[in-house]
């Protein structure tokens, strides 16, 4: 399940790709640290907010992420 939209502006987020999508996790907005995850399709260039399922990492910024 996902939600269409666009992520809020942020800095310090982590980004990874699977060559079909770019994934963006966390970061810091003007007022708070974030722990949401978004995907950007490299086919249709639409953002989707992915549904949180199970344990979600704590809010964070300045971190790294990789796709395996």
PDB file of N, CA and C in Angstrom:
ATOM      1  N   UNK A   1       0.848  -1.173   0.000  1.00  0.00           N
ATOM      2  CA  UNK A   1       0.000   0.000   0.000  1.00  0.00           C
ATOM      3  C   UNK A   1       0.893   1.235   0.000  1.00  0.00           C
ATOM      4  N   UNK A   2       0.452   2.277  -0.636  1.00  0.00           N
ATOM      5  CA  UNK A   2       1.212   3.512  -0.707  1.00  0.00           C
ATOM      6  C   UNK A   2       0.262   4.682  -0.862  1.00  0.00           C
ATOM      7  N   UNK A   3       0.819   5.872  -0.718  1.00  0.00           N
ATOM      8  CA  UNK A   3       0.055   7.106  -0.849  1.00  0.00           C
ATOM      9  C   UNK A   3       0.772   7.999  -1.844  1.00  0.00           C
ATOM     10  N   UNK A   4       0.053   8.494  -2.858  1.00  0.00           N
ATOM     11  CA  UNK A   4       0.658   9.403  -3.824  1.00  0.00           C
ATOM     12  C   UNK A   4       0.811  10.778  -3.200  1.00  0.00           C
ATOM     13  N   UNK A   5       1.789  11.512  -3.630  1.00  0.00           N
ATOM     14  CA  UNK A   5       2.038  12.851  -3.129  1.00  0.00           C
ATOM     15  C   UNK A   5       3.482  13.211  -3.386  1.00  0.00           C
ATOM     16  N   UNK A   6       3.995  14.141  -2.630  1.00  0.00           N
ATOM     17  CA  UNK A   6       5.417  14.474  -2.701  1.00  0.00           C
ATOM     18  C   UNK A   6       5.935  14.635  -1.272  1.00  0.00           C
ATOM     19  N   UNK A   7       7.193  14.259  -1.051  1.00  0.00           N
ATOM     20  CA  UNK A   7       7.747  14.423   0.295  1.00  0.00           C
ATOM     21  C   UNK A   7       7.958  15.899   0.622  1.00  0.00           C
ATOM     22  N   UNK A   8       7.918  16.210   1.900  1.00  0.00           N
ATOM     23  CA  UNK A   8       8.190  17.582   2.321  1.00  0.00           C
ATOM     24  C   UNK A   8       9.665  17.908   2.068  1.00  0.00           C
ATOM     25  N   UNK A   9       9.997  19.177   1.879  1.00  0.00           N
ATOM     26  CA  UNK A   9      11.407  19.550   1.728  1.00  0.00           C
ATOM     27  C   UNK A   9      12.198  19.097   2.948  1.00  0.00           C
ATOM     28  N   UNK A  10      13.432  18.616   2.722  1.00  0.00           N
ATOM     29  CA  UNK A  10      14.231  18.083   3.824  1.00  0.00           C
ATOM     30  C   UNK A  10      15.710  18.120   3.491  1.00  0.00           C
ATOM     31  N   UNK A  11      16.517  18.032   4.528  1.00  0.00           N
ATOM     32  CA  UNK A  11      17.961  17.902   4.380  1.00  0.00           C
ATOM     33  C   UNK A  11      18.395  16.687   5.192  1.00  0.00           C
ATOM     34  N   UNK A  12      19.564  16.145   4.900  1.00  0.00           N
ATOM     35  CA  UNK A  12      20.116  15.057   5.692  1.00  0.00           C
ATOM     36  C   UNK A  12      19.388  13.741   5.549  1.00  0.00           C
ATOM     37  N   UNK A  13      18.626  13.548   4.476  1.00  0.00           N
ATOM     38  CA  UNK A  13      17.916  12.277   4.280  1.00  0.00           C
ATOM     39  C   UNK A  13      18.874  11.256   3.657  1.00  0.00           C
ATOM     40  N   UNK A  14      18.483   9.990   3.722  1.00  0.00           N
ATOM     41  CA  UNK A  14      19.243   8.927   3.071  1.00  0.00           C
ATOM     42  C   UNK A  14      18.546   8.565   1.767  1.00  0.00           C
ATOM     43  N   UNK A  15      19.344   8.213   0.749  1.00  0.00           N
ATOM     44  CA  UNK A  15      18.799   7.896  -0.564  1.00  0.00           C
ATOM     45  C   UNK A  15      19.469   6.622  -1.079  1.00  0.00           C
ATOM     46  N   UNK A  16      18.667   5.732  -1.681  1.00  0.00           N
ATOM     47  CA  UNK A  16      19.186   4.509  -2.307  1.00  0.00           C
ATOM     48  C   UNK A  16      18.350   4.233  -3.549  1.00  0.00           C
ATOM     49  N   UNK A  17      18.869   3.391  -4.451  1.00  0.00           N
ATOM     50  CA  UNK A  17      18.132   3.065  -5.673  1.00  0.00           C
ATOM     51  C   UNK A  17      18.212   1.575  -5.962  1.00  0.00           C
ATOM     52  N   UNK A  18      17.172   1.069  -6.634  1.00  0.00           N
ATOM     53  CA  UNK A  18      17.176  -0.303  -7.146  1.00  0.00           C
ATOM     54  C   UNK A  18      17.174  -0.283  -8.679  1.00  0.00           C
ATOM     55  N   UNK A  19      17.556   0.832  -9.258  1.00  0.00           N
ATOM     56  CA  UNK A  19      17.612   1.099 -10.695  1.00  0.00           C
ATOM     57  C   UNK A  19      16.238   1.300 -11.334  1.00  0.00           C
ATOM     58  N   UNK A  20      15.156   1.073 -10.603  1.00  0.00           N
ATOM     59  CA  UNK A  20      13.807   1.366 -11.103  1.00  0.00           C
ATOM     60  C   UNK A  20      13.163   2.471 -10.283  1.00  0.00           C
ATOM     61  N   UNK A  21      13.606   2.617  -9.038  1.00  0.00           N
ATOM     62  CA  UNK A  21      13.068   3.605  -8.105  1.00  0.00           C
ATOM     63  C   UNK A  21      14.206   4.208  -7.290  1.00  0.00           C
ATOM     64  N   UNK A  22      13.974   5.415  -6.831  1.00  0.00           N
ATOM     65  CA  UNK A  22      14.866   6.047  -5.860  1.00  0.00           C
ATOM     66  C   UNK A  22      14.090   6.103  -4.555  1.00  0.00           C
ATOM     67  N   UNK A  23      14.707   5.651  -3.465  1.00  0.00           N
ATOM     68  CA  UNK A  23      14.071   5.640  -2.151  1.00  0.00           C
ATOM     69  C   UNK A  23      14.684   6.724  -1.280  1.00  0.00           C
ATOM     70  N   UNK A  24      13.827   7.464  -0.578  1.00  0.00           N
ATOM     71  CA  UNK A  24      14.251   8.561   0.292  1.00  0.00           C
ATOM     72  C   UNK A  24      13.717   8.264   1.691  1.00  0.00           C
ATOM     73  N   UNK A  25      14.604   8.255   2.683  1.00  0.00           N
ATOM     74  CA  UNK A  25      14.177   7.968   4.055  1.00  0.00           C
ATOM     75  C   UNK A  25      14.662   9.046   5.010  1.00  0.00           C
ATOM     76  N   UNK A  26      13.746   9.488   5.869  1.00  0.00           N
ATOM     77  CA  UNK A  26      14.085  10.387   6.968  1.00  0.00           C
ATOM     78  C   UNK A  26      14.587  11.741   6.529  1.00  0.00           C
ATOM     79  N   UNK A  27      15.410  12.324   7.369  1.00  0.00           N
ATOM     80  CA  UNK A  27      15.941  13.653   7.140  1.00  0.00           C
ATOM     81  C   UNK A  27      15.383  14.632   8.150  1.00  0.00           C
ATOM     82  N   UNK A  28      15.574  15.895   7.860  1.00  0.00           N
ATOM     83  CA  UNK A  28      15.139  16.947   8.780  1.00  0.00           C
ATOM     84  C   UNK A  28      14.430  18.025   7.984  1.00  0.00           C
ATOM     85  N   UNK A  29      13.220  18.386   8.425  1.00  0.00           N
ATOM     86  CA  UNK A  29      12.496  19.507   7.827  1.00  0.00           C
ATOM     87  C   UNK A  29      12.848  20.764   8.615  1.00  0.00           C
ATOM     88  N   UNK A  30      12.193  21.858   8.312  1.00  0.00           N
ATOM     89  CA  UNK A  30      12.448  23.092   9.056  1.00  0.00           C
ATOM     90  C   UNK A  30      12.176  22.931  10.547  1.00  0.00           C
ATOM     91  N   UNK A  31      11.180  22.104  10.884  1.00  0.00           N
ATOM     92  CA  UNK A  31      10.739  22.053  12.279  1.00  0.00           C
ATOM     93  C   UNK A  31      10.946  20.721  12.991  1.00  0.00           C
ATOM     94  N   UNK A  32      11.257  19.627  12.256  1.00  0.00           N
ATOM     95  CA  UNK A  32      11.381  18.342  12.942  1.00  0.00           C
ATOM     96  C   UNK A  32      12.219  17.337  12.154  1.00  0.00           C
ATOM     97  N   UNK A  33      12.646  16.285  12.846  1.00  0.00           N
ATOM     98  CA  UNK A  33      13.321  15.166  12.201  1.00  0.00           C
ATOM     99  C   UNK A  33      12.253  14.180  11.739  1.00  0.00           C
ATOM    100  N   UNK A  34      12.551  13.425  10.675  1.00  0.00           N
ATOM    101  CA  UNK A  34      11.547  12.603  10.011  1.00  0.00           C
ATOM    102  C   UNK A  34      11.943  11.128   9.985  1.00  0.00           C
ATOM    103  N   UNK A  35      10.953  10.246   9.822  1.00  0.00           N
ATOM    104  CA  UNK A  35      11.224   8.828   9.617  1.00  0.00           C
ATOM    105  C   UNK A  35      10.251   8.224   8.597  1.00  0.00           C
ATOM    106  N   UNK A  36       9.875   9.020   7.595  1.00  0.00           N
ATOM    107  CA  UNK A  36       9.003   8.518   6.538  1.00  0.00           C
ATOM    108  C   UNK A  36       9.853   8.022   5.373  1.00  0.00           C
ATOM    109  N   UNK A  37       9.281   7.129   4.549  1.00  0.00           N
ATOM    110  CA  UNK A  37      10.002   6.623   3.386  1.00  0.00           C
ATOM    111  C   UNK A  37       9.158   6.826   2.132  1.00  0.00           C
ATOM    112  N   UNK A  38       9.817   7.326   1.098  1.00  0.00           N
ATOM    113  CA  UNK A  38       9.175   7.621  -0.179  1.00  0.00           C
ATOM    114  C   UNK A  38       9.936   6.914  -1.293  1.00  0.00           C
ATOM    115  N   UNK A  39       9.232   6.588  -2.375  1.00  0.00           N
ATOM    116  CA  UNK A  39       9.894   6.092  -3.574  1.00  0.00           C
ATOM    117  C   UNK A  39       9.550   7.019  -4.734  1.00  0.00           C
ATOM    118  N   UNK A  40      10.511   7.215  -5.598  1.00  0.00           N
ATOM    119  CA  UNK A  40      10.316   7.989  -6.825  1.00  0.00           C
ATOM    120  C   UNK A  40      10.534   7.033  -7.986  1.00  0.00           C
ATOM    121  N   UNK A  41       9.489   6.781  -8.766  1.00  0.00           N
ATOM    122  CA  UNK A  41       9.588   5.899  -9.920  1.00  0.00           C
ATOM    123  C   UNK A  41      10.424   6.567 -11.002  1.00  0.00           C
ATOM    124  N   UNK A  42      11.401   5.845 -11.531  1.00  0.00           N
ATOM    125  CA  UNK A  42      12.213   6.377 -12.620  1.00  0.00           C
ATOM    126  C   UNK A  42      11.549   6.143 -13.973  1.00  0.00           C
ATOM    127  N   UNK A  43      10.356   5.547 -13.964  1.00  0.00           N
ATOM    128  CA  UNK A  43       9.580   5.346 -15.178  1.00  0.00           C
ATOM    129  C   UNK A  43       8.603   6.487 -15.404  1.00  0.00           C
ATOM    130  N   UNK A  44       7.806   6.798 -14.358  1.00  0.00           N
ATOM    131  CA  UNK A  44       6.800   7.857 -14.527  1.00  0.00           C
ATOM    132  C   UNK A  44       7.066   9.100 -13.670  1.00  0.00           C
ATOM    133  N   UNK A  45       8.166   9.093 -12.914  1.00  0.00           N
ATOM    134  CA  UNK A  45       8.590  10.239 -12.099  1.00  0.00           C
ATOM    135  C   UNK A  45       7.513  10.702 -11.122  1.00  0.00           C
ATOM    136  N   UNK A  46       6.845   9.728 -10.493  1.00  0.00           N
ATOM    137  CA  UNK A  46       5.856  10.029  -9.461  1.00  0.00           C
ATOM    138  C   UNK A  46       6.369   9.529  -8.114  1.00  0.00           C
ATOM    139  N   UNK A  47       6.151  10.345  -7.096  1.00  0.00           N
ATOM    140  CA  UNK A  47       6.494   9.947  -5.734  1.00  0.00           C
ATOM    141  C   UNK A  47       5.356   9.153  -5.121  1.00  0.00           C
ATOM    142  N   UNK A  48       5.710   8.179  -4.286  1.00  0.00           N
ATOM    143  CA  UNK A  48       4.747   7.425  -3.489  1.00  0.00           C
ATOM    144  C   UNK A  48       5.296   7.343  -2.073  1.00  0.00           C
ATOM    145  N   UNK A  49       4.458   7.617  -1.083  1.00  0.00           N
ATOM    146  CA  UNK A  49       4.868   7.385   0.301  1.00  0.00           C
ATOM    147  C   UNK A  49       4.533   5.938   0.620  1.00  0.00           C
ATOM    148  N   UNK A  50       5.539   5.182   1.008  1.00  0.00           N
ATOM    149  CA  UNK A  50       5.339   3.771   1.289  1.00  0.00           C
ATOM    150  C   UNK A  50       4.723   3.596   2.669  1.00  0.00           C
ATOM    151  N   UNK A  51       3.863   2.601   2.796  1.00  0.00           N
ATOM    152  CA  UNK A  51       3.171   2.332   4.049  1.00  0.00           C
ATOM    153  C   UNK A  51       4.158   1.761   5.066  1.00  0.00           C
ATOM    154  N   UNK A  52       4.064   2.266   6.289  1.00  0.00           N
ATOM    155  CA  UNK A  52       4.865   1.729   7.385  1.00  0.00           C
ATOM    156  C   UNK A  52       4.304   0.359   7.741  1.00  0.00           C
ATOM    157  N   UNK A  53       5.171  -0.647   7.777  1.00  0.00           N
ATOM    158  CA  UNK A  53       4.729  -1.999   8.089  1.00  0.00           C
ATOM    159  C   UNK A  53       5.711  -2.607   9.079  1.00  0.00           C
ATOM    160  N   UNK A  54       5.258  -2.899  10.273  1.00  0.00           N
ATOM    161  CA  UNK A  54       6.152  -3.433  11.294  1.00  0.00           C
ATOM    162  C   UNK A  54       6.854  -2.308  12.028  1.00  0.00           C
ATOM    163  N   UNK A  55       8.020  -2.616  12.566  1.00  0.00           N
ATOM    164  CA  UNK A  55       8.779  -1.608  13.315  1.00  0.00           C
ATOM    165  C   UNK A  55       9.408  -0.605  12.359  1.00  0.00           C
ATOM    166  N   UNK A  56       9.238   0.649  12.675  1.00  0.00           N
ATOM    167  CA  UNK A  56       9.778   1.731  11.857  1.00  0.00           C
ATOM    168  C   UNK A  56      10.986   2.315  12.590  1.00  0.00           C
ATOM    169  N   UNK A  57      12.102   2.536  11.882  1.00  0.00           N
ATOM    170  CA  UNK A  57      13.253   3.154  12.549  1.00  0.00           C
ATOM    171  C   UNK A  57      12.877   4.502  13.164  1.00  0.00           C
ATOM    172  N   UNK A  58      13.584   4.870  14.190  1.00  0.00           N
ATOM    173  CA  UNK A  58      13.359   6.158  14.849  1.00  0.00           C
ATOM    174  C   UNK A  58      13.663   7.303  13.881  1.00  0.00           C
ATOM    175  N   UNK A  59      13.142   8.493  14.208  1.00  0.00           N
ATOM    176  CA  UNK A  59      13.446   9.663  13.380  1.00  0.00           C
ATOM    177  C   UNK A  59      14.959   9.849  13.332  1.00  0.00           C
ATOM    178  N   UNK A  60      15.452  10.297  12.185  1.00  0.00           N
ATOM    179  CA  UNK A  60      16.904  10.481  12.048  1.00  0.00           C
ATOM    180  C   UNK A  60      17.240  11.350  10.853  1.00  0.00           C
ATOM    181  N   UNK A  61      18.410  11.922  10.909  1.00  0.00           N
ATOM    182  CA  UNK A  61      18.953  12.667   9.779  1.00  0.00           C
ATOM    183  C   UNK A  61      20.471  12.516   9.807  1.00  0.00           C
ATOM    184  N   UNK A  62      21.108  12.740   8.663  1.00  0.00           N
ATOM    185  CA  UNK A  62      22.556  12.598   8.556  1.00  0.00           C
ATOM    186  C   UNK A  62      23.002  11.151   8.563  1.00  0.00           C
ATOM    187  N   UNK A  63      22.177  10.222   8.107  1.00  0.00           N
ATOM    188  CA  UNK A  63      22.466   8.802   8.112  1.00  0.00           C
ATOM    189  C   UNK A  63      22.671   8.303   6.683  1.00  0.00           C
ATOM    190  N   UNK A  64      22.953   7.021   6.535  1.00  0.00           N
ATOM    191  CA  UNK A  64      23.117   6.420   5.204  1.00  0.00           C
ATOM    192  C   UNK A  64      22.117   5.283   5.032  1.00  0.00           C
ATOM    193  N   UNK A  65      21.944   4.852   3.792  1.00  0.00           N
ATOM    194  CA  UNK A  65      21.044   3.743   3.470  1.00  0.00           C
ATOM    195  C   UNK A  65      21.573   3.075   2.215  1.00  0.00           C
ATOM    196  N   UNK A  66      21.375   1.762   2.105  1.00  0.00           N
ATOM    197  CA  UNK A  66      21.763   1.061   0.871  1.00  0.00           C
ATOM    198  C   UNK A  66      20.660   0.094   0.489  1.00  0.00           C
ATOM    199  N   UNK A  67      20.624  -0.280  -0.778  1.00  0.00           N
ATOM    200  CA  UNK A  67      19.654  -1.234  -1.287  1.00  0.00           C
ATOM    201  C   UNK A  67      20.359  -2.559  -1.501  1.00  0.00           C
ATOM    202  N   UNK A  68      19.745  -3.642  -1.029  1.00  0.00           N
ATOM    203  CA  UNK A  68      20.366  -4.956  -1.188  1.00  0.00           C
ATOM    204  C   UNK A  68      19.383  -5.901  -1.828  1.00  0.00           C
TER     205      UNK A  68
END
